[in-house]
Amino acid sequence: MQGEMEDKCGIVGIHSEDISKDVASFVYYCLFALQHRGQESAGIATFDLDKGLKYYCGMGLITDVFKDYEIHNLGGNIGIGHVRYSTTGQSKLENSQPFVTDFDDGFIAMAHNGDIVNSTELRNELIKEGYEFKSDTDSEVICYMLKREHYDNNKNIIDAIESVSKRLVGSYALVILVNGDLYGVRGPMGIKPLAIAKRGEDYVLASETVAFDVINAKYIRDIVPGEIVYFENNEIKSHMLEIADESNLSHCMFEYVYFARPDSTIDGINVYQTRLNIGRELHKLYPIDADVVIPVPDSSIPAAIGYSRASGIPYGEGLIKNRYVGRTFIMPTQEERELAVRLKLNPINEAIKGKKIILIDDSIVRGTTSKQLLDLVKEAEPAEIHFLVGCPPVIAPCFYGVAMATKKELIAANYSPEEIREQLDIDSLGYITLESLIDAIGMPEEDLCLGCLNEKYPTELPDDIEAETYYKP
């Protein structure tokens, strides 16, 4: 359900052999295409052979951050960028990325998508060794671990990443800028996406393929889980982490259900087609007699189209989304919280009144937003409301970079579907089954991370993980 969960981040890296080229504007446009992955802060770091490192970060949307900052001040032929939503680490400027620190008579800049579940243990270890932290993010932990491997153990950056990867438990996709060299790293389980493309003679790394489309870069391939890519003589070089051999694939199913833009392709699977498949699977499970199929915009639109095509029931817009409403402002009173829903969505009375409607949403997490949404729809006086959900019941938290809720806040962890239907006061409620979701994605179950649906997490978790690492802004 939109508004109830957020992904951690979107990352970008661009490498050009042409030292006269400035890549910052292209990093900016790529981040703009990935804005859905994080709206809390944004930043860009670049390298220029003559002037060295330049970087700028700020709070808010990419357009807000660089509104009064001349993007061309970030000159350089190599750059990385980041848009953030906090999961580990509070919402403040110090936690914005790329994170930058000194390294080998120069610098290291890093942007990270994911969550390291043992970051507290690793941080405490580094603090005992004298490292002073500027932020409370796990990204800074990774940076300092790389520094330690380089300085203390005299390892080059590839060997340092190799060593650090053996200590990290969790999810990560990284773009790293080290003294003019760009590296892309994807965690060995592949939980977080990362792909590579080419624009002319330049190489581009990004969380989603939509970032390539906006700058007319041609997608080459996804970075393999456990792979480091870097560039020499204008060619892609690759190094596979040793830990990849003993790691099971665990691609995040929420990328396909909700997070990724529908015009992205992740690990060879088109997100739009997956969501069409979800709609078709929902129709197989719930062949309801209704007048119209209505999506909760925007992520549920393809699923609603899929249901409509499978059922023959007309697809219709019954809710209009105000796309100019930002994601964050705190509503201190219940009246204002209800107003926030009305600011974002407004029902079309003529499309709903007196009709039996099938309302399709991507997920239900806490259930509070669903309740407010359905109360809004009821004001348009439909004859019946059948609420279908394109994700199975979310019964457990995510610890790998999705800020959703603690278990006690997850409605499906505490109530049955029938009890939830009663609370929502609707005619029927239907979740897609886990088996049907797996069929819709088209990836083997053993290659997916489904921990929030079945509590079978792909890594071991500390006993006090929720208290240690969970942060809800």
Protein backbone atom coordinates (compact mmCIF):
# COMPACT_ATOMS: atom_id res chain seq x y z
CA MET A 1 0.00 0.00 0.00
CA GLN A 2 1.50 3.28 -1.02
CA GLY A 3 2.54 5.36 1.95
CA GLU A 4 2.97 2.37 4.26
CA MET A 5 6.41 1.22 3.15
CA GLU A 6 9.40 2.60 1.33
CA ASP A 7 12.47 1.18 -0.30
CA LYS A 8 15.84 2.32 0.92
CA CYS A 9 17.57 3.95 -2.05
CA GLY A 10 18.46 4.36 -5.67
CA ILE A 11 22.08 4.50 -6.84
CA VAL A 12 23.83 5.58 -10.04
CA GLY A 13 27.41 5.54 -11.33
CA ILE A 14 28.79 6.86 -14.62
CA HIS A 15 32.29 6.29 -16.03
CA SER A 16 33.72 8.13 -19.04
CA GLU A 17 37.22 7.77 -20.45
CA ASP A 18 36.94 11.31 -21.86
CA ILE A 19 38.50 13.49 -19.17
CA SER A 20 36.96 16.60 -20.73
CA LYS A 21 33.42 15.32 -20.21
CA ASP A 22 31.21 16.35 -17.28
CA VAL A 23 28.89 13.52 -16.22
CA ALA A 24 27.11 15.22 -13.29
CA SER A 25 24.06 16.27 -15.31
CA PHE A 26 23.59 12.69 -16.54
CA VAL A 27 23.86 11.39 -12.97
CA TYR A 28 21.21 13.96 -12.03
CA TYR A 29 18.80 12.79 -14.75
CA CYS A 30 19.32 9.15 -13.79
CA LEU A 31 18.54 9.98 -10.15
CA PHE A 32 15.45 11.84 -11.29
CA ALA A 33 14.26 8.60 -12.96
CA LEU A 34 14.93 6.75 -9.68
CA GLN A 35 13.19 9.31 -7.45
CA HIS A 36 10.50 6.76 -6.56
CA ARG A 37 13.14 4.77 -4.65
CA GLY A 38 13.83 7.58 -2.17
CA GLN A 39 12.60 11.11 -1.60
CA GLU A 40 14.35 11.98 1.64
CA SER A 41 17.75 13.15 0.46
CA ALA A 42 19.90 13.20 -2.65
CA GLY A 43 23.54 13.67 -3.52
CA ILE A 44 26.15 13.49 -6.27
CA ALA A 45 29.95 13.04 -6.09
CA THR A 46 32.25 13.48 -9.09
CA PHE A 47 35.94 13.20 -9.88
CA ASP A 48 37.97 15.59 -12.02
CA LEU A 49 41.58 14.79 -12.85
CA ASP A 50 42.71 18.36 -12.17
CA LYS A 51 40.40 19.34 -9.32
CA GLY A 52 39.82 15.99 -7.64
CA LEU A 53 36.64 15.20 -5.73
CA LYS A 54 33.53 17.38 -5.70
CA TYR A 55 30.27 16.47 -4.04
CA TYR A 56 27.00 17.96 -2.90
CA CYS A 57 24.17 16.47 -0.82
CA GLY A 58 20.94 17.82 0.60
CA MET A 59 17.57 16.93 2.08
CA GLY A 60 14.50 16.50 -0.10
CA LEU A 61 13.79 15.63 -3.72
CA ILE A 62 16.56 15.80 -6.30
CA THR A 63 15.00 18.96 -7.75
CA ASP A 64 14.91 20.58 -4.30
CA VAL A 65 18.48 19.64 -3.43
CA PHE A 66 19.97 21.05 -6.64
CA LYS A 67 17.51 23.89 -7.07
CA ASP A 68 19.95 26.61 -6.02
CA TYR A 69 23.12 24.66 -6.78
CA GLU A 70 24.67 24.81 -10.23
CA ILE A 71 25.01 21.19 -11.30
CA HIS A 72 27.93 22.03 -13.57
CA ASN A 73 29.95 22.95 -10.48
CA LEU A 74 30.31 19.19 -10.10
CA GLY A 75 32.67 18.85 -13.04
CA GLY A 76 34.28 15.50 -13.74
CA ASN A 77 34.22 12.51 -16.05
CA ILE A 78 33.31 9.99 -13.34
CA GLY A 79 30.43 10.35 -10.89
CA ILE A 80 28.08 8.56 -8.53
CA GLY A 81 24.70 9.57 -7.14
CA HIS A 82 22.15 8.54 -4.55
CA VAL A 83 18.52 9.13 -3.57
CA ARG A 84 17.63 8.00 -0.07
CA TYR A 85 14.84 6.79 2.11
CA SER A 86 15.99 5.87 5.61
CA THR A 87 15.73 2.39 7.04
CA THR A 88 18.92 2.22 9.09
CA GLY A 89 19.83 5.72 10.21
CA GLN A 90 17.68 8.73 10.93
CA SER A 91 16.40 11.33 8.50
CA LYS A 92 19.08 14.02 8.66
CA LEU A 93 21.66 15.64 6.41
CA GLU A 94 24.58 13.74 7.96
CA ASN A 95 23.05 10.50 6.69
CA SER A 96 22.66 11.67 3.10
CA GLN A 97 24.86 10.05 0.49
CA PRO A 98 27.25 9.59 -1.26
CA PHE A 99 29.33 9.17 1.88
CA VAL A 100 32.86 10.56 1.45
CA THR A 101 36.04 10.02 3.45
CA ASP A 102 39.82 10.16 2.90
CA PHE A 103 41.47 7.13 1.33
CA ASP A 104 45.04 6.45 0.16
CA ASP A 105 46.14 10.09 -0.12
CA GLY A 106 42.84 10.81 -1.84
CA PHE A 107 39.26 9.85 -1.11
CA ILE A 108 36.58 7.21 -1.31
CA ALA A 109 32.94 8.09 -2.04
CA MET A 110 30.21 5.48 -1.79
CA ALA A 111 26.47 5.20 -2.39
CA HIS A 112 24.63 2.21 -0.93
CA ASN A 113 21.25 0.58 -1.44
CA GLY A 114 20.32 -2.02 1.16
CA ASP A 115 20.65 -2.79 4.85
CA ILE A 116 23.40 -4.55 6.77
CA VAL A 117 21.73 -6.43 9.62
CA ASN A 118 24.95 -6.84 11.63
CA SER A 119 25.97 -3.19 11.20
CA THR A 120 25.72 -2.45 14.94
CA GLU A 121 28.23 -5.17 15.76
CA LEU A 122 30.58 -3.98 13.02
CA ARG A 123 30.22 -0.33 14.07
CA ASN A 124 31.09 -1.11 17.68
CA GLU A 125 34.13 -3.03 16.50
CA LEU A 126 35.32 -0.03 14.46
CA ILE A 127 34.66 2.42 17.30
CA LYS A 128 36.89 0.35 19.58
CA GLU A 129 39.62 0.69 16.96
CA GLY A 130 39.33 4.48 17.02
CA TYR A 131 37.06 5.22 14.07
CA GLU A 132 34.78 8.22 14.63
CA PHE A 133 31.42 8.15 12.90
CA LYS A 134 29.76 11.20 11.37
CA SER A 135 26.45 9.44 10.65
CA ASP A 136 24.43 6.54 12.01
CA THR A 137 24.11 4.71 8.69
CA ASP A 138 25.42 1.28 7.84
CA SER A 139 26.90 2.81 4.67
CA GLU A 140 29.58 4.58 6.72
CA VAL A 141 30.34 1.26 8.39
CA ILE A 142 31.13 -0.31 5.00
CA CYS A 143 33.31 2.66 4.04
CA TYR A 144 35.43 2.42 7.17
CA MET A 145 35.76 -1.33 6.84
CA LEU A 146 37.19 -0.82 3.36
CA LYS A 147 39.61 1.78 4.74
CA ARG A 148 40.71 -0.60 7.48
CA GLU A 149 41.40 -3.40 5.03
CA HIS A 150 43.41 -1.04 2.83
CA TYR A 151 45.50 0.67 5.50
CA ASP A 152 45.90 -2.09 8.08
CA ASN A 153 46.20 -5.05 5.75
CA ASN A 154 47.68 -3.29 2.69
CA LYS A 155 44.97 -4.53 0.32
CA ASN A 156 43.93 -2.95 -2.94
CA ILE A 157 40.29 -1.98 -3.34
CA ILE A 158 39.22 -5.26 -5.00
CA ASP A 159 40.83 -7.35 -2.27
CA ALA A 160 39.41 -4.99 0.39
CA ILE A 161 35.87 -5.45 -0.99
CA GLU A 162 36.49 -9.20 -1.07
CA SER A 163 37.45 -9.23 2.62
CA VAL A 164 34.65 -6.91 3.74
CA SER A 165 32.02 -8.93 1.87
CA LYS A 166 32.78 -11.89 4.12
CA ARG A 167 31.78 -9.84 7.17
CA LEU A 168 28.60 -8.24 5.82
CA VAL A 169 25.26 -9.87 6.62
CA GLY A 170 22.32 -8.39 4.75
CA SER A 171 21.68 -6.67 1.44
CA TYR A 172 23.77 -4.25 -0.56
CA ALA A 173 24.32 -2.78 -3.96
CA LEU A 174 27.16 -0.26 -4.06
CA VAL A 175 28.70 2.28 -6.38
CA ILE A 176 32.15 3.29 -5.17
CA LEU A 177 34.36 6.10 -6.43
CA VAL A 178 38.00 5.70 -5.38
CA ASN A 179 40.47 8.31 -6.59
CA GLY A 180 39.01 8.40 -10.07
CA ASP A 181 38.09 4.70 -10.41
CA LEU A 182 34.46 3.53 -10.41
CA TYR A 183 33.35 0.20 -8.96
CA GLY A 184 29.91 -1.38 -8.83
CA VAL A 185 29.22 -4.15 -6.30
CA ARG A 186 26.14 -6.33 -5.96
CA GLY A 187 25.64 -8.40 -2.82
CA PRO A 188 26.02 -12.17 -3.25
CA MET A 189 22.32 -12.91 -2.65
CA GLY A 190 21.15 -10.36 -5.22
CA ILE A 191 18.53 -8.88 -2.91
CA LYS A 192 19.08 -5.38 -4.29
CA PRO A 193 19.20 -4.80 -8.05
CA LEU A 194 22.06 -3.27 -10.03
CA ALA A 195 22.51 -3.17 -13.80
CA ILE A 196 24.95 -1.79 -16.37
CA ALA A 197 24.46 0.07 -19.65
CA LYS A 198 26.47 1.99 -22.22
CA ARG A 199 25.89 5.48 -23.58
CA GLY A 200 28.22 6.11 -26.49
CA GLU A 201 31.58 5.21 -25.00
CA ASP A 202 30.46 5.83 -21.40
CA TYR A 203 29.33 3.17 -18.93
CA VAL A 204 26.37 3.62 -16.59
CA LEU A 205 25.44 1.69 -13.42
CA ALA A 206 21.99 2.04 -11.87
CA SER A 207 19.45 0.37 -9.61
CA GLU A 208 16.87 0.16 -12.40
CA THR A 209 16.89 0.18 -16.18
CA VAL A 210 14.61 3.26 -16.30
CA ALA A 211 17.67 5.31 -15.37
CA PHE A 212 19.28 4.16 -18.61
CA ASP A 213 16.23 5.00 -20.69
CA VAL A 214 16.12 8.63 -19.62
CA ILE A 215 19.65 9.34 -20.90
CA ASN A 216 19.31 7.00 -23.90
CA ALA A 217 21.87 4.50 -22.62
CA LYS A 218 21.65 0.94 -23.93
CA TYR A 219 21.16 -1.75 -21.32
CA ILE A 220 23.90 -4.38 -21.38
CA ARG A 221 23.08 -6.73 -18.51
CA ASP A 222 22.34 -7.03 -14.82
CA ILE A 223 25.35 -7.23 -12.56
CA VAL A 224 25.52 -10.79 -11.28
CA PRO A 225 24.95 -11.29 -7.55
CA GLY A 226 28.38 -11.32 -5.92
CA GLU A 227 30.04 -9.46 -8.80
CA ILE A 228 32.33 -6.44 -8.74
CA VAL A 229 32.51 -4.51 -12.01
CA TYR A 230 35.07 -1.83 -12.83
CA PHE A 231 36.52 -0.23 -15.94
CA GLU A 232 39.93 -0.32 -17.62
CA ASN A 233 40.82 0.83 -21.12
CA ASN A 234 37.13 1.55 -21.71
CA GLU A 235 36.20 -2.08 -21.09
CA ILE A 236 34.12 -3.73 -18.38
CA LYS A 237 36.21 -5.78 -15.98
CA SER A 238 34.67 -8.26 -13.57
CA HIS A 239 35.61 -9.97 -10.33
CA MET A 240 33.40 -12.51 -8.56
CA LEU A 241 33.39 -12.48 -4.77
CA GLU A 242 34.41 -15.76 -3.18
CA ILE A 243 31.38 -15.62 -0.89
CA ALA A 244 29.08 -15.83 -3.92
CA ASP A 245 29.83 -19.55 -4.21
CA GLU A 246 28.26 -20.23 -0.82
CA SER A 247 25.36 -17.75 -1.03
CA ASN A 248 21.81 -18.53 -2.10
CA LEU A 249 19.99 -16.15 -4.44
CA SER A 250 17.30 -14.10 -2.69
CA HIS A 251 15.89 -11.51 -5.07
CA CYS A 252 13.44 -9.16 -3.33
CA MET A 253 9.90 -9.97 -4.47
CA PHE A 254 8.74 -6.45 -3.56
CA GLU A 255 10.77 -5.02 -6.43
CA TYR A 256 8.29 -6.68 -8.78
CA VAL A 257 5.17 -6.09 -6.69
CA TYR A 258 5.66 -2.46 -5.72
CA PHE A 259 9.04 -0.74 -5.65
CA ALA A 260 10.41 -0.77 -9.16
CA ARG A 261 8.88 1.37 -11.84
CA PRO A 262 6.75 -0.74 -14.20
CA ASP A 263 8.94 0.26 -17.15
CA SER A 264 11.98 -1.36 -15.52
CA THR A 265 13.38 -4.82 -16.19
CA ILE A 266 15.13 -6.48 -13.25
CA ASP A 267 17.18 -9.65 -13.62
CA GLY A 268 15.63 -10.28 -17.00
CA ILE A 269 12.04 -9.99 -15.77
CA ASN A 270 9.90 -7.09 -16.93
CA VAL A 271 8.10 -5.44 -14.01
CA TYR A 272 5.07 -4.34 -16.06
CA GLN A 273 4.50 -7.86 -17.36
CA THR A 274 4.83 -9.27 -13.85
CA ARG A 275 2.12 -6.92 -12.59
CA LEU A 276 -0.15 -7.83 -15.50
CA ASN A 277 0.41 -11.46 -14.48
CA ILE A 278 -0.52 -10.61 -10.88
CA GLY A 279 -3.85 -9.25 -12.12
CA ARG A 280 -4.50 -12.41 -14.14
CA GLU A 281 -3.63 -14.59 -11.15
CA LEU A 282 -6.01 -12.57 -8.96
CA HIS A 283 -8.80 -13.27 -11.46
CA LYS A 284 -8.07 -17.01 -11.34
CA LEU A 285 -8.33 -16.89 -7.55
CA TYR A 286 -11.26 -14.47 -7.33
CA PRO A 287 -13.54 -14.46 -10.41
CA ILE A 288 -15.89 -11.79 -9.08
CA ASP A 289 -19.02 -10.51 -10.81
CA ALA A 290 -18.57 -6.73 -10.91
CA ASP A 291 -19.13 -3.64 -13.05
CA VAL A 292 -15.66 -2.11 -13.08
CA VAL A 293 -12.04 -2.83 -12.10
CA ILE A 294 -10.32 0.14 -10.44
CA PRO A 295 -6.64 0.42 -9.44
CA VAL A 296 -5.19 2.29 -6.52
CA PRO A 297 -2.79 4.49 -8.51
CA ASP A 298 -0.04 4.19 -9.55
CA SER A 299 1.71 0.89 -8.85
CA SER A 300 -1.51 -1.18 -9.06
CA ILE A 301 -2.53 0.01 -12.53
CA PRO A 302 -0.94 -2.90 -14.46
CA ALA A 303 -2.49 -5.49 -12.10
CA ALA A 304 -5.92 -3.92 -12.58
CA ILE A 305 -5.43 -4.00 -16.35
CA GLY A 306 -4.43 -7.66 -16.10
CA TYR A 307 -7.55 -8.49 -14.09
CA SER A 308 -9.74 -6.56 -16.51
CA ARG A 309 -8.32 -8.36 -19.55
CA ALA A 310 -8.69 -11.76 -17.92
CA SER A 311 -12.24 -11.13 -16.69
CA GLY A 312 -13.69 -9.00 -19.46
CA ILE A 313 -14.85 -6.51 -16.81
CA PRO A 314 -14.15 -2.92 -17.91
CA TYR A 315 -11.11 -1.17 -16.47
CA GLY A 316 -11.85 2.27 -15.09
CA GLU A 317 -10.21 5.14 -13.28
CA GLY A 318 -12.11 5.64 -10.07
CA LEU A 319 -9.37 7.37 -8.10
CA ILE A 320 -7.36 10.35 -9.25
CA LYS A 321 -3.91 10.83 -7.75
CA ASN A 322 -2.51 14.27 -7.04
CA ARG A 323 1.07 13.87 -8.24
CA TYR A 324 2.19 17.15 -6.73
CA VAL A 325 1.87 16.06 -3.12
CA GLY A 326 5.18 15.20 -1.47
CA ARG A 327 5.63 12.12 0.67
CA THR A 328 6.56 13.76 3.98
CA PHE A 329 4.91 16.04 6.36
CA ILE A 330 3.83 15.08 9.85
CA MET A 331 0.13 15.30 10.59
CA PRO A 332 -0.33 15.94 14.31
CA THR A 333 -4.11 15.42 14.46
CA GLN A 334 -6.42 12.70 13.16
CA GLU A 335 -8.32 15.27 11.14
CA GLU A 336 -5.12 16.34 9.38
CA ARG A 337 -4.05 12.72 8.76
CA GLU A 338 -7.35 12.08 7.04
CA LEU A 339 -6.83 15.25 5.03
CA ALA A 340 -3.48 13.87 3.82
CA VAL A 341 -5.25 10.95 2.14
CA ARG A 342 -7.68 13.33 0.45
CA LEU A 343 -4.79 15.45 -0.78
CA LYS A 344 -3.26 12.44 -2.51
CA LEU A 345 -6.37 10.66 -3.83
CA ASN A 346 -9.83 11.76 -4.84
CA PRO A 347 -12.63 9.43 -5.98
CA ILE A 348 -14.57 10.00 -9.19
CA ASN A 349 -18.12 9.70 -7.96
CA GLU A 350 -19.56 9.06 -11.41
CA ALA A 351 -17.25 6.07 -11.91
CA ILE A 352 -18.13 4.49 -8.56
CA LYS A 353 -21.66 5.39 -7.43
CA GLY A 354 -24.10 2.50 -7.54
CA LYS A 355 -21.55 0.11 -9.07
CA LYS A 356 -20.04 -3.16 -7.94
CA ILE A 357 -16.35 -2.33 -7.96
CA ILE A 358 -13.20 -4.41 -7.77
CA LEU A 359 -10.51 -2.26 -6.17
CA ILE A 360 -6.95 -3.56 -6.67
CA ASP A 361 -3.97 -2.53 -4.56
CA ASP A 362 -0.38 -3.79 -4.46
CA SER A 363 -0.25 -4.66 -0.75
CA ILE A 364 -1.61 -4.11 2.74
CA VAL A 365 0.99 -3.48 5.43
CA ARG A 366 -0.32 -1.72 8.55
CA GLY A 367 -3.81 -1.42 7.16
CA THR A 368 -4.34 2.16 8.30
CA THR A 369 -3.93 3.65 4.82
CA SER A 370 -6.21 0.99 3.34
CA LYS A 371 -8.90 1.88 5.88
CA GLN A 372 -8.66 5.58 5.06
CA LEU A 373 -8.70 4.86 1.34
CA LEU A 374 -11.75 2.62 1.55
CA ASP A 375 -13.61 5.12 3.71
CA LEU A 376 -12.98 7.65 0.95
CA VAL A 377 -14.29 5.26 -1.71
CA LYS A 378 -17.41 4.53 0.35
CA GLU A 379 -18.32 8.21 0.25
CA ALA A 380 -18.89 7.76 -3.50
CA GLU A 381 -21.58 5.17 -2.63
CA PRO A 382 -20.60 2.04 -4.56
CA ALA A 383 -23.05 -0.87 -4.51
CA GLU A 384 -20.29 -3.32 -3.54
CA ILE A 385 -16.55 -3.14 -2.79
CA HIS A 386 -14.32 -6.12 -3.51
CA PHE A 387 -10.75 -5.40 -2.45
CA LEU A 388 -8.02 -7.52 -4.09
CA VAL A 389 -4.37 -7.36 -3.09
CA GLY A 390 -1.43 -8.21 -5.36
CA CYS A 391 0.82 -9.33 -2.52
CA PRO A 392 0.22 -12.14 0.01
CA PRO A 393 -0.30 -11.13 3.65
CA VAL A 394 2.76 -9.35 5.05
CA ILE A 395 3.28 -11.10 8.37
CA ALA A 396 6.84 -10.13 9.30
CA PRO A 397 9.20 -7.13 9.02
CA CYS A 398 11.87 -6.74 6.37
CA PHE A 399 15.45 -6.32 7.55
CA TYR A 400 17.08 -5.87 4.16
CA GLY A 401 16.23 -2.31 3.18
CA VAL A 402 12.44 -1.98 3.24
CA ALA A 403 10.95 0.26 5.92
CA MET A 404 7.55 -1.26 6.53
CA ALA A 405 6.67 -1.90 10.19
CA THR A 406 7.38 -3.92 13.30
CA LYS A 407 5.48 -7.17 13.59
CA LYS A 408 2.99 -5.81 16.11
CA GLU A 409 2.05 -3.10 13.58
CA LEU A 410 1.51 -5.51 10.66
CA ILE A 411 -2.21 -6.09 10.37
CA ALA A 412 -1.88 -9.52 8.72
CA ALA A 413 0.42 -10.72 11.51
CA ASN A 414 -2.34 -10.12 14.04
CA TYR A 415 -5.62 -10.71 12.19
CA SER A 416 -7.01 -13.23 9.72
CA PRO A 417 -8.14 -12.07 6.25
CA GLU A 418 -11.76 -12.33 7.37
CA GLU A 419 -11.08 -10.21 10.45
CA ILE A 420 -9.31 -7.64 8.27
CA ARG A 421 -12.29 -7.64 5.88
CA GLU A 422 -14.58 -6.94 8.82
CA GLN A 423 -12.38 -4.10 10.02
CA LEU A 424 -12.36 -2.59 6.53
CA ASP A 425 -16.13 -3.15 6.30
CA ILE A 426 -16.17 -4.30 2.67
CA ASP A 427 -17.95 -7.05 0.75
CA SER A 428 -14.89 -9.20 0.10
CA LEU A 429 -11.12 -9.18 0.56
CA GLY A 430 -8.76 -11.38 -1.43
CA TYR A 431 -4.98 -11.69 -1.26
CA ILE A 432 -2.95 -13.31 -4.00
CA THR A 433 -1.47 -16.57 -2.77
CA LEU A 434 2.27 -17.07 -2.42
CA GLU A 435 2.20 -19.75 -5.11
CA SER A 436 0.35 -17.48 -7.54
CA LEU A 437 2.74 -14.59 -6.86
CA ILE A 438 5.73 -16.80 -7.60
CA ASP A 439 4.08 -17.90 -10.85
CA ALA A 440 3.42 -14.26 -11.77
CA ILE A 441 7.05 -13.28 -11.22
CA GLY A 442 8.31 -16.32 -13.11
CA MET A 443 11.33 -16.91 -10.88
CA PRO A 444 11.95 -20.08 -8.83
CA GLU A 445 10.78 -19.76 -5.24
CA GLU A 446 14.25 -20.63 -3.94
CA ASP A 447 15.68 -17.60 -5.77
CA LEU A 448 13.34 -15.09 -4.08
CA CYS A 449 13.48 -13.36 -0.70
CA LEU A 450 10.06 -13.97 0.85
CA GLY A 451 10.94 -13.36 4.49
CA CYS A 452 8.21 -10.79 5.12
CA LEU A 453 5.64 -13.30 3.81
CA ASN A 454 6.79 -16.56 5.41
CA GLU A 455 9.47 -15.54 7.95
CA LYS A 456 12.05 -17.64 6.11
CA TYR A 457 14.82 -15.06 6.01
CA PRO A 458 17.86 -15.62 3.79
CA THR A 459 20.34 -14.73 6.56
CA GLU A 460 20.67 -15.22 10.27
CA LEU A 461 19.30 -12.31 12.30
CA PRO A 462 20.49 -10.94 15.66
CA ASP A 463 18.02 -11.63 18.46
CA ASP A 464 17.41 -7.91 19.04
CA ILE A 465 17.41 -6.91 15.37
CA GLU A 466 14.19 -4.86 15.56
CA ALA A 467 15.43 -2.79 18.49
CA GLU A 468 18.86 -2.34 16.93
CA THR A 469 18.23 -1.54 13.30
CA TYR A 470 14.61 -0.71 12.64
CA TYR A 471 13.89 2.95 12.13
CA LYS A 472 10.52 4.44 11.22
CA PRO A 473 10.58 8.15 10.37
